C-alpha atoms as a PDB file:
ATOM      1  CA  MET A   1     -12.206   3.932   2.148  1.00  0.00           C
ATOM      2  CA  TYR A   2     -11.062   2.745   5.829  1.00  0.00           C
ATOM      3  CA  GLU A   3     -13.767   0.594   6.344  1.00  0.00           C
ATOM      4  CA  VAL A   4     -12.519  -2.731   6.034  1.00  0.00           C
ATOM      5  CA  THR A   5     -12.332  -4.422   9.158  1.00  0.00           C
ATOM      6  CA  SER A   6     -10.597  -7.627  10.998  1.00  0.00           C
ATOM      7  CA  ASN A   7     -14.067  -9.520  11.325  1.00  0.00           C
ATOM      8  CA  ASP A   8     -14.507  -8.499   7.348  1.00  0.00           C
ATOM      9  CA  PHE A   9     -10.781 -10.091   7.091  1.00  0.00           C
ATOM     10  CA  GLU A  10     -12.025 -13.829   9.592  1.00  0.00           C
ATOM     11  CA  ALA A  11     -15.680 -13.687   7.058  1.00  0.00           C
ATOM     12  CA  ALA A  12     -13.698 -13.680   4.125  1.00  0.00           C
ATOM     13  CA  ALA A  13     -10.721 -16.091   4.290  1.00  0.00           C
ATOM     14  CA  GLN A  14     -13.597 -18.432   5.088  1.00  0.00           C
ATOM     15  CA  ASN A  15     -15.005 -17.495   1.245  1.00  0.00           C
ATOM     16  CA  ASN A  16     -12.841 -20.947  -0.630  1.00  0.00           C
ATOM     17  CA  ALA A  17     -13.031 -19.053  -3.434  1.00  0.00           C
ATOM     18  CA  LEU A  18     -10.927 -16.499  -1.911  1.00  0.00           C
ATOM     19  CA  LYS A  19      -7.529 -17.003  -2.588  1.00  0.00           C
ATOM     20  CA  VAL A  20      -5.579 -14.953  -0.011  1.00  0.00           C
ATOM     21  CA  THR A  21      -3.963 -15.521   3.122  1.00  0.00           C
ATOM     22  CA  ASP A  22      -2.428 -12.019   3.616  1.00  0.00           C
ATOM     23  CA  PHE A  23      -4.549  -9.282   5.803  1.00  0.00           C
ATOM     24  CA  ALA A  24      -2.426  -6.187   4.293  1.00  0.00           C
ATOM     25  CA  THR A  25      -2.717  -7.628   0.750  1.00  0.00           C
ATOM     26  CA  GLN A  26      -7.023  -8.442   1.524  1.00  0.00           C
ATOM     27  CA  HIS A  27      -7.296  -4.681   2.917  1.00  0.00           C
ATOM     28  CA  THR A  28      -5.799  -2.763  -0.055  1.00  0.00           C
ATOM     29  CA  LEU A  29      -8.433  -5.704  -2.218  1.00  0.00           C
ATOM     30  CA  ARG A  30     -11.358  -4.212  -0.106  1.00  0.00           C
ATOM     31  CA  PHE A  31     -10.231  -0.876  -1.418  1.00  0.00           C
ATOM     32  CA  ILE A  32      -9.751  -1.277  -5.068  1.00  0.00           C
ATOM     33  CA  GLU A  33     -13.329  -3.556  -5.368  1.00  0.00           C
ATOM     34  CA  SER A  34     -15.270  -0.384  -3.878  1.00  0.00           C
ATOM     35  CA  VAL A  35     -13.875   1.559  -6.867  1.00  0.00           C
ATOM     36  CA  THR A  36     -14.172  -1.577  -9.052  1.00  0.00           C
ATOM     37  CA  LYS A  37     -18.228  -2.464  -7.872  1.00  0.00           C
ATOM     38  CA  ARG A  38     -16.355  -5.822  -8.196  1.00  0.00           C
ATOM     39  CA  ARG A  39     -16.198  -5.496 -12.097  1.00  0.00           C
ATOM     40  CA  SER A  40     -14.524  -8.969 -13.462  1.00  0.00           C
ATOM     41  CA  ASN A  41     -11.817  -8.885 -16.542  1.00  0.00           C
ATOM     42  CA  LEU A  42     -10.225  -5.525 -15.655  1.00  0.00           C
ATOM     43  CA  ARG A  43      -6.843  -4.379 -17.385  1.00  0.00           C
ATOM     44  CA  PHE A  44      -4.747  -2.627 -14.427  1.00  0.00           C
ATOM     45  CA  LEU A  45      -1.273  -1.785 -13.728  1.00  0.00           C
ATOM     46  CA  GLU A  46       0.549  -2.059 -10.763  1.00  0.00           C
ATOM     47  CA  VAL A  47       2.997   0.651 -10.638  1.00  0.00           C
ATOM     48  CA  GLY A  48       6.407  -0.356  -7.680  1.00  0.00           C
ATOM     49  CA  CYS A  49       4.394  -3.952  -7.516  1.00  0.00           C
ATOM     50  CA  GLY A  50       6.855  -5.773  -4.815  1.00  0.00           C
ATOM     51  CA  LYS A  51       6.547  -9.270  -4.656  1.00  0.00           C
ATOM     52  CA  GLY A  52       3.764  -9.426  -6.305  1.00  0.00           C
ATOM     53  CA  HIS A  53       1.265 -10.613  -4.428  1.00  0.00           C
ATOM     54  CA  LEU A  54      -1.350  -7.902  -4.205  1.00  0.00           C
ATOM     55  CA  ALA A  55      -1.209  -8.817  -8.532  1.00  0.00           C
ATOM     56  CA  LYS A  56      -1.590 -12.094  -7.810  1.00  0.00           C
ATOM     57  CA  ALA A  57      -4.561 -12.100  -6.204  1.00  0.00           C
ATOM     58  CA  LEU A  58      -6.148  -9.174  -8.843  1.00  0.00           C
ATOM     59  CA  VAL A  59      -5.213 -12.700 -11.541  1.00  0.00           C
ATOM     60  CA  ASP A  60      -7.040 -15.217  -9.205  1.00  0.00           C
ATOM     61  CA  ARG A  61      -9.958 -13.126  -8.948  1.00  0.00           C
ATOM     62  CA  GLY A  62      -9.690 -12.829 -13.291  1.00  0.00           C
ATOM     63  CA  HIS A  63      -8.498  -9.541 -14.055  1.00  0.00           C
ATOM     64  CA  GLN A  64      -5.562  -9.331 -16.370  1.00  0.00           C
ATOM     65  CA  VAL A  65      -2.494  -7.542 -14.332  1.00  0.00           C
ATOM     66  CA  LEU A  66       0.768  -6.260 -15.680  1.00  0.00           C
ATOM     67  CA  PRO A  67       3.233  -5.831 -12.692  1.00  0.00           C
ATOM     68  CA  ILE A  68       6.010  -3.509 -12.865  1.00  0.00           C
ATOM     69  CA  ASP A  69       8.826  -2.489 -10.423  1.00  0.00           C
ATOM     70  CA  VAL A  70      12.379  -1.025 -10.782  1.00  0.00           C
ATOM     71  CA  SER A  71      13.779  -3.530  -8.662  1.00  0.00           C
ATOM     72  CA  GLU A  72      15.330  -7.453 -10.289  1.00  0.00           C
ATOM     73  CA  GLU A  73      14.184  -8.893  -6.230  1.00  0.00           C
ATOM     74  CA  ALA A  74      11.054  -8.591  -6.903  1.00  0.00           C
ATOM     75  CA  VAL A  75      10.680  -8.494 -10.610  1.00  0.00           C
ATOM     76  CA  ALA A  76      11.818 -12.189  -9.992  1.00  0.00           C
ATOM     77  CA  PHE A  77       9.564 -13.393  -7.026  1.00  0.00           C
ATOM     78  CA  ALA A  78       6.508 -11.943  -8.257  1.00  0.00           C
ATOM     79  CA  ARG A  79       7.740 -14.230 -11.990  1.00  0.00           C
ATOM     80  CA  SER A  80       8.423 -17.079 -10.311  1.00  0.00           C
ATOM     81  CA  LEU A  81       4.436 -16.301  -8.885  1.00  0.00           C
ATOM     82  CA  GLY A  82       3.458 -16.479 -12.990  1.00  0.00           C
ATOM     83  CA  LEU A  83       2.882 -13.446 -13.469  1.00  0.00           C
ATOM     84  CA  PRO A  84       4.249 -11.255 -15.849  1.00  0.00           C
ATOM     85  CA  ALA A  85       6.358  -8.365 -13.851  1.00  0.00           C
ATOM     86  CA  LYS A  86       9.130  -6.539 -15.841  1.00  0.00           C
ATOM     87  CA  GLN A  87      11.484  -5.057 -14.313  1.00  0.00           C
ATOM     88  CA  THR A  88      10.840  -1.169 -15.669  1.00  0.00           C
ATOM     89  CA  ASN A  89       8.927   1.669 -14.488  1.00  0.00           C
ATOM     90  CA  ILE A  90       5.998   3.741 -16.068  1.00  0.00           C
ATOM     91  CA  PHE A  91       7.654   5.974 -18.056  1.00  0.00           C
ATOM     92  CA  ASP A  92       8.857   3.114 -20.098  1.00  0.00           C
ATOM     93  CA  VAL A  93       4.807   1.008 -20.592  1.00  0.00           C
ATOM     94  CA  ASN A  94       3.606   0.771 -23.719  1.00  0.00           C
ATOM     95  CA  GLY A  95       0.505  -0.779 -25.913  1.00  0.00           C
ATOM     96  CA  SER A  96      -3.570  -0.794 -25.078  1.00  0.00           C
ATOM     97  CA  ALA A  97      -5.199   1.479 -22.112  1.00  0.00           C
ATOM     98  CA  PHE A  98      -5.910   0.339 -18.893  1.00  0.00           C
ATOM     99  CA  ASP A  99      -8.800   0.160 -16.619  1.00  0.00           C
ATOM    100  CA  GLY A 100      -6.904   0.997 -13.522  1.00  0.00           C
ATOM    101  CA  ILE A 101      -3.601   2.403 -12.648  1.00  0.00           C
ATOM    102  CA  LEU A 102      -2.708   1.241  -9.090  1.00  0.00           C
ATOM    103  CA  PHE A 103       0.317   3.424  -6.428  1.00  0.00           C
ATOM    104  CA  ILE A 104       0.463   0.820  -3.948  1.00  0.00           C
ATOM    105  CA  GLN A 105       2.873   2.231  -1.396  1.00  0.00           C
ATOM    106  CA  SER A 106       4.881   3.099  -4.422  1.00  0.00           C
ATOM    107  CA  LEU A 107       3.631   7.062  -5.247  1.00  0.00           C
ATOM    108  CA  HIS A 108       5.651   8.583  -2.050  1.00  0.00           C
ATOM    109  CA  HIS A 109       8.846   7.106  -3.833  1.00  0.00           C
ATOM    110  CA  ILE A 110       8.462   7.969  -7.136  1.00  0.00           C
ATOM    111  CA  SER A 111       9.933  10.999  -8.857  1.00  0.00           C
ATOM    112  CA  PRO A 112       9.158  13.115 -10.789  1.00  0.00           C
ATOM    113  CA  LEU A 113       5.386  12.864  -9.700  1.00  0.00           C
ATOM    114  CA  ASP A 114       3.631  15.026 -11.630  1.00  0.00           C
ATOM    115  CA  GLN A 115       5.343  13.333 -14.526  1.00  0.00           C
ATOM    116  CA  SER A 116       4.630   9.601 -13.243  1.00  0.00           C
ATOM    117  CA  LEU A 117       0.352  10.661 -12.239  1.00  0.00           C
ATOM    118  CA  ALA A 118       0.405  12.470 -15.910  1.00  0.00           C
ATOM    119  CA  GLN A 119       2.107   9.207 -17.424  1.00  0.00           C
ATOM    120  CA  ALA A 120      -0.744   7.257 -15.473  1.00  0.00           C
ATOM    121  CA  ALA A 121      -3.269   9.392 -17.175  1.00  0.00           C
ATOM    122  CA  ARG A 122      -2.488   8.467 -20.414  1.00  0.00           C
ATOM    123  CA  LEU A 123      -2.838   4.725 -20.553  1.00  0.00           C
ATOM    124  CA  LEU A 124      -6.087   5.047 -19.075  1.00  0.00           C
ATOM    125  CA  ASP A 125      -8.647   4.200 -21.109  1.00  0.00           C
ATOM    126  CA  LYS A 126     -11.542   6.726 -20.890  1.00  0.00           C
ATOM    127  CA  GLY A 127     -13.533   6.249 -17.481  1.00  0.00           C
ATOM    128  CA  GLY A 128     -10.260   4.356 -15.798  1.00  0.00           C
ATOM    129  CA  PHE A 129      -8.828   5.022 -12.713  1.00  0.00           C
ATOM    130  CA  VAL A 130      -5.449   5.760 -10.941  1.00  0.00           C
ATOM    131  CA  LEU A 131      -5.725   4.365  -6.783  1.00  0.00           C
ATOM    132  CA  VAL A 132      -3.579   5.763  -4.357  1.00  0.00           C
ATOM    133  CA  ASP A 133      -3.158   3.859  -1.012  1.00  0.00           C
ATOM    134  CA  ASP A 134      -0.093   5.345   0.487  1.00  0.00           C
ATOM    135  CA  PHE A 135       0.941   7.425   3.548  1.00  0.00           C
ATOM    136  CA  ALA A 136       1.379  10.950   4.942  1.00  0.00           C
ATOM    137  CA  PHE A 137       4.506  10.282   6.934  1.00  0.00           C
ATOM    138  CA  SER A 138       4.103  14.711   7.480  1.00  0.00           C
ATOM    139  CA  LYS A 139       1.464  13.961  10.391  1.00  0.00           C
ATOM    140  CA  MET A 140       3.398  11.711  12.184  1.00  0.00           C
ATOM    141  CA  ASP A 141       3.730  13.363  15.908  1.00  0.00           C
ATOM    142  CA  GLU A 142       5.830  12.282  18.694  1.00  0.00           C
ATOM    143  CA  GLU A 143       3.060  10.087  20.205  1.00  0.00           C
ATOM    144  CA  THR A 144       2.310   7.965  16.976  1.00  0.00           C
ATOM    145  CA  ALA A 145       6.270   7.408  16.731  1.00  0.00           C
ATOM    146  CA  VAL A 146       6.418   6.243  20.637  1.00  0.00           C
ATOM    147  CA  TRP A 147       3.873   3.757  19.787  1.00  0.00           C
ATOM    148  CA  PHE A 148       5.318   2.896  16.522  1.00  0.00           C
ATOM    149  CA  GLN A 149       8.508   2.500  18.076  1.00  0.00           C
ATOM    150  CA  GLY A 150       7.559   0.545  21.094  1.00  0.00           C
ATOM    151  CA  VAL A 151       5.754  -2.141  19.038  1.00  0.00           C
ATOM    152  CA  GLN A 152       8.856  -2.798  16.409  1.00  0.00           C
ATOM    153  CA  ASN A 153      10.600  -3.174  20.398  1.00  0.00           C
ATOM    154  CA  VAL A 154       8.425  -5.879  21.283  1.00  0.00           C
ATOM    155  CA  PHE A 155       9.673  -8.026  17.993  1.00  0.00           C
ATOM    156  CA  ALA A 156      12.935  -7.355  18.378  1.00  0.00           C
ATOM    157  CA  GLY A 157      13.295  -8.481  22.075  1.00  0.00           C
ATOM    158  CA  ALA A 158      11.521 -11.486  20.718  1.00  0.00           C
ATOM    159  CA  GLY A 159      14.398 -12.118  18.752  1.00  0.00           C
ATOM    160  CA  ILE A 160      12.866 -11.872  15.353  1.00  0.00           C
ATOM    161  CA  ASP A 161      14.632 -11.013  12.557  1.00  0.00           C
ATOM    162  CA  GLY A 162      14.386  -7.607  10.734  1.00  0.00           C
ATOM    163  CA  PHE A 163      13.090  -5.578  14.090  1.00  0.00           C
ATOM    164  CA  HIS A 164      16.270  -3.424  15.465  1.00  0.00           C
ATOM    165  CA  ARG A 165      15.574  -1.811  19.633  1.00  0.00           C
ATOM    166  CA  ILE A 166      15.635   1.942  19.645  1.00  0.00           C
ATOM    167  CA  ASN A 167      15.455   3.624  22.465  1.00  0.00           C
ATOM    168  CA  ILE A 168      11.625   5.238  22.258  1.00  0.00           C
ATOM    169  CA  ASP A 169      12.774   8.930  23.451  1.00  0.00           C
ATOM    170  CA  LYS A 170      14.746   9.119  20.252  1.00  0.00           C
ATOM    171  CA  ALA A 171      11.331   7.188  17.843  1.00  0.00           C
ATOM    172  CA  PHE A 172      10.283  10.733  16.285  1.00  0.00           C
ATOM    173  CA  ALA A 173      13.586  12.014  15.553  1.00  0.00           C
ATOM    174  CA  HIS A 174      15.062   8.488  14.349  1.00  0.00           C
ATOM    175  CA  LEU A 175      11.733   8.245  11.722  1.00  0.00           C
ATOM    176  CA  MET A 176      12.200  12.088  10.585  1.00  0.00           C
ATOM    177  CA  SER A 177      15.529  11.404   9.766  1.00  0.00           C
ATOM    178  CA  HIS A 178      14.666   8.193   7.901  1.00  0.00           C
ATOM    179  CA  TYR A 179      11.866   9.815   6.147  1.00  0.00           C
ATOM    180  CA  ALA A 180      14.048  13.050   5.471  1.00  0.00           C
ATOM    181  CA  GLU A 181      17.130  10.805   3.989  1.00  0.00           C
ATOM    182  CA  HIS A 182      14.458   8.716   1.356  1.00  0.00           C
ATOM    183  CA  GLY A 183      13.591  11.973  -0.017  1.00  0.00           C
ATOM    184  CA  ILE A 184      10.308  10.905  -0.097  1.00  0.00           C
ATOM    185  CA  HIS A 185       6.889  13.123  -0.699  1.00  0.00           C
ATOM    186  CA  THR A 186       4.640  14.070   1.363  1.00  0.00           C
ATOM    187  CA  GLY A 187       1.010  13.457   1.505  1.00  0.00           C
ATOM    188  CA  ASP A 188      -0.121  16.852   0.610  1.00  0.00           C
ATOM    189  CA  GLU A 189       2.609  16.487  -2.534  1.00  0.00           C
ATOM    190  CA  LEU A 190       0.814  13.597  -3.294  1.00  0.00           C
ATOM    191  CA  ILE A 191      -3.236  15.521  -3.432  1.00  0.00           C
ATOM    192  CA  ARG A 192      -1.547  17.895  -4.986  1.00  0.00           C
ATOM    193  CA  ALA A 193       0.117  16.489  -7.593  1.00  0.00           C
ATOM    194  CA  SER A 194      -3.159  13.930  -7.823  1.00  0.00           C
ATOM    195  CA  LYS A 195      -5.264  17.520  -8.223  1.00  0.00           C
ATOM    196  CA  ASN A 196      -3.312  19.220 -10.751  1.00  0.00           C
ATOM    197  CA  VAL A 197      -3.800  16.002 -13.613  1.00  0.00           C
ATOM    198  CA  PHE A 198      -7.107  14.578 -12.846  1.00  0.00           C
ATOM    199  CA  PRO A 199     -10.281  16.532 -12.573  1.00  0.00           C
ATOM    200  CA  ASN A 200     -12.195  14.289 -10.420  1.00  0.00           C
ATOM    201  CA  VAL A 201     -10.013  12.568  -6.652  1.00  0.00           C
ATOM    202  CA  GLU A 202     -11.596  11.748  -3.814  1.00  0.00           C
ATOM    203  CA  ILE A 203      -9.151  11.621  -0.549  1.00  0.00           C
ATOM    204  CA  SER A 204      -9.300   9.903   2.389  1.00  0.00           C
ATOM    205  CA  GLU A 205      -7.394  10.385   5.227  1.00  0.00           C
ATOM    206  CA  GLY A 206      -6.497   9.288   9.161  1.00  0.00           C
ATOM    207  CA  GLY A 207      -6.830   5.358   8.630  1.00  0.00           C
ATOM    208  CA  PRO A 208      -4.418   2.843   9.623  1.00  0.00           C
ATOM    209  CA  TYR A 209      -1.166   2.758   7.912  1.00  0.00           C
ATOM    210  CA  LEU A 210       1.930   1.056  10.051  1.00  0.00           C
ATOM    211  CA  PHE A 211       0.719  -1.972  10.542  1.00  0.00           C
ATOM    212  CA  ARG A 212       1.792  -2.829   6.951  1.00  0.00           C
ATOM    213  CA  HIS A 213       5.744  -1.994   7.970  1.00  0.00           C
ATOM    214  CA  PHE A 214       5.299  -5.029   9.562  1.00  0.00           C
ATOM    215  CA  VAL A 215       4.632  -7.443   6.653  1.00  0.00           C
ATOM    216  CA  PRO A 216       7.977  -7.404   5.068  1.00  0.00           C
ATOM    217  CA  LYS A 217       9.399  -8.758   8.450  1.00  0.00           C
ATOM    218  CA  MET A 218       6.801 -11.533   9.078  1.00  0.00           C
ATOM    219  CA  GLU A 219       4.966 -12.436   5.744  1.00  0.00           C
ATOM    220  CA  SER A 220       7.096 -15.887   5.503  1.00  0.00           C
ATOM    221  CA  ARG A 221       5.981 -16.724   9.059  1.00  0.00           C
ATOM    222  CA  PRO A 222       3.163 -19.382   9.308  1.00  0.00           C
ATOM    223  CA  GLU A 223       1.482 -16.408  11.750  1.00  0.00           C
ATOM    224  CA  SER A 224       1.888 -13.383  10.372  1.00  0.00           C
ATOM    225  CA  SER A 225      -1.480 -12.547   9.077  1.00  0.00           C
ATOM    226  CA  ASP A 226      -2.868 -12.904  12.676  1.00  0.00           C
ATOM    227  CA  VAL A 227      -0.468 -11.195  13.829  1.00  0.00           C
ATOM    228  CA  ILE A 228      -0.503  -8.488  10.992  1.00  0.00           C
ATOM    229  CA  LYS A 229      -5.062  -8.319  11.677  1.00  0.00           C
ATOM    230  CA  ALA A 230      -4.189  -7.728  15.417  1.00  0.00           C
ATOM    231  CA  ILE A 231      -1.114  -4.499  15.304  1.00  0.00           C
ATOM    232  CA  PHE A 232      -4.205  -2.993  12.752  1.00  0.00           C
ATOM    233  CA  ASP A 233      -6.206  -3.755  15.152  1.00  0.00           C
ATOM    234  CA  TRP A 234      -4.531  -2.206  18.074  1.00  0.00           C
ATOM    235  CA  GLU A 235      -3.497   0.612  15.495  1.00  0.00           C
ATOM    236  CA  ARG A 236      -6.869   1.492  14.802  1.00  0.00           C
ATOM    237  CA  PHE A 237      -8.302   2.179  18.494  1.00  0.00           C
ATOM    238  CA  GLN A 238      -5.709   3.558  18.698  1.00  0.00           C
ATOM    239  CA  ILE A 239      -6.399   6.351  16.462  1.00  0.00           C
ATOM    240  CA  GLU A 240     -10.151   6.029  17.135  1.00  0.00           C
ATOM    241  CA  LYS A 241      -9.280   6.922  20.749  1.00  0.00           C
ATOM    242  CA  GLY A 242      -6.961   9.845  19.747  1.00  0.00           C
ATOM    243  CA  PHE A 243      -3.921   8.427  20.889  1.00  0.00           C
ATOM    244  CA  ILE A 244      -1.764   8.315  18.038  1.00  0.00           C
ATOM    245  CA  LYS A 245      -2.038   9.828  14.980  1.00  0.00           C
ATOM    246  CA  GLY A 246      -3.401   7.814  11.366  1.00  0.00           C
ATOM    247  CA  LEU A 247      -1.201   8.418   8.725  1.00  0.00           C
ATOM    248  CA  GLY A 248      -2.945   6.543   5.835  1.00  0.00           C
ATOM    249  CA  LEU A 249      -3.593   8.417   2.536  1.00  0.00           C
ATOM    250  CA  ARG A 250      -5.890   6.977  -0.302  1.00  0.00           C
ATOM    251  CA  VAL A 251      -6.356   8.737  -3.504  1.00  0.00           C
ATOM    252  CA  ILE A 252      -8.324   7.926  -6.607  1.00  0.00           C
ATOM    253  CA  GLY A 253      -8.125  10.269  -9.908  1.00  0.00           C
ATOM    254  CA  PHE A 254     -10.816   9.473 -12.195  1.00  0.00           C
ATOM    255  CA  LYS A 255     -10.154   9.857 -16.028  1.00  0.00           C
END
């Protein structure tokens, strides 16, 4: 599930039919298409859609998407892209069944976890799937935290808005405190809940994920995709060499 490379992105970006310039969105699209086998005109529900970049890319590829988020600001931005975004949660979603329900960097925030996935299963059409693209923060270790904070310190030193310099000796403690403060679910909890709800679950762990944290702070800059791609390549290299942990977690639950 982590087969996409920066070369894949460069090749895809040369295709005029591909209206995607954001590397992180392209990375997720490849994951989705590995499940859908490039079928067209599917009905998706995206839970925690953020600004709607992924939903817009799916619509541009001929799919129907209902993007939802609890953030008023995020929904307003998604609507500005022409999307039918709604400020709501999954429990208030009604209507006909979906072919796929997407939790992209969102499920670790959502509670109650088991009931949310059970609701997703109810909203799926027969043969539908839930797709989770998330991370397992409990696999974070000292070396990974130091690398991650070191990259942020470079951006902070360059004066880029949104990045703050932190002593790398305190990086691990700072990150774990942040995760504890926000009460997010561990990767093991996401896997357990998925297995409790879906009879058939596919799991992939250990891929790059931390590059995604740089997207919101860089997306308004013209060089953002090149920068994010470079961080992705760097993170993947570090993982492959065993220098840092791969925190990426991908789960597919089939109804």
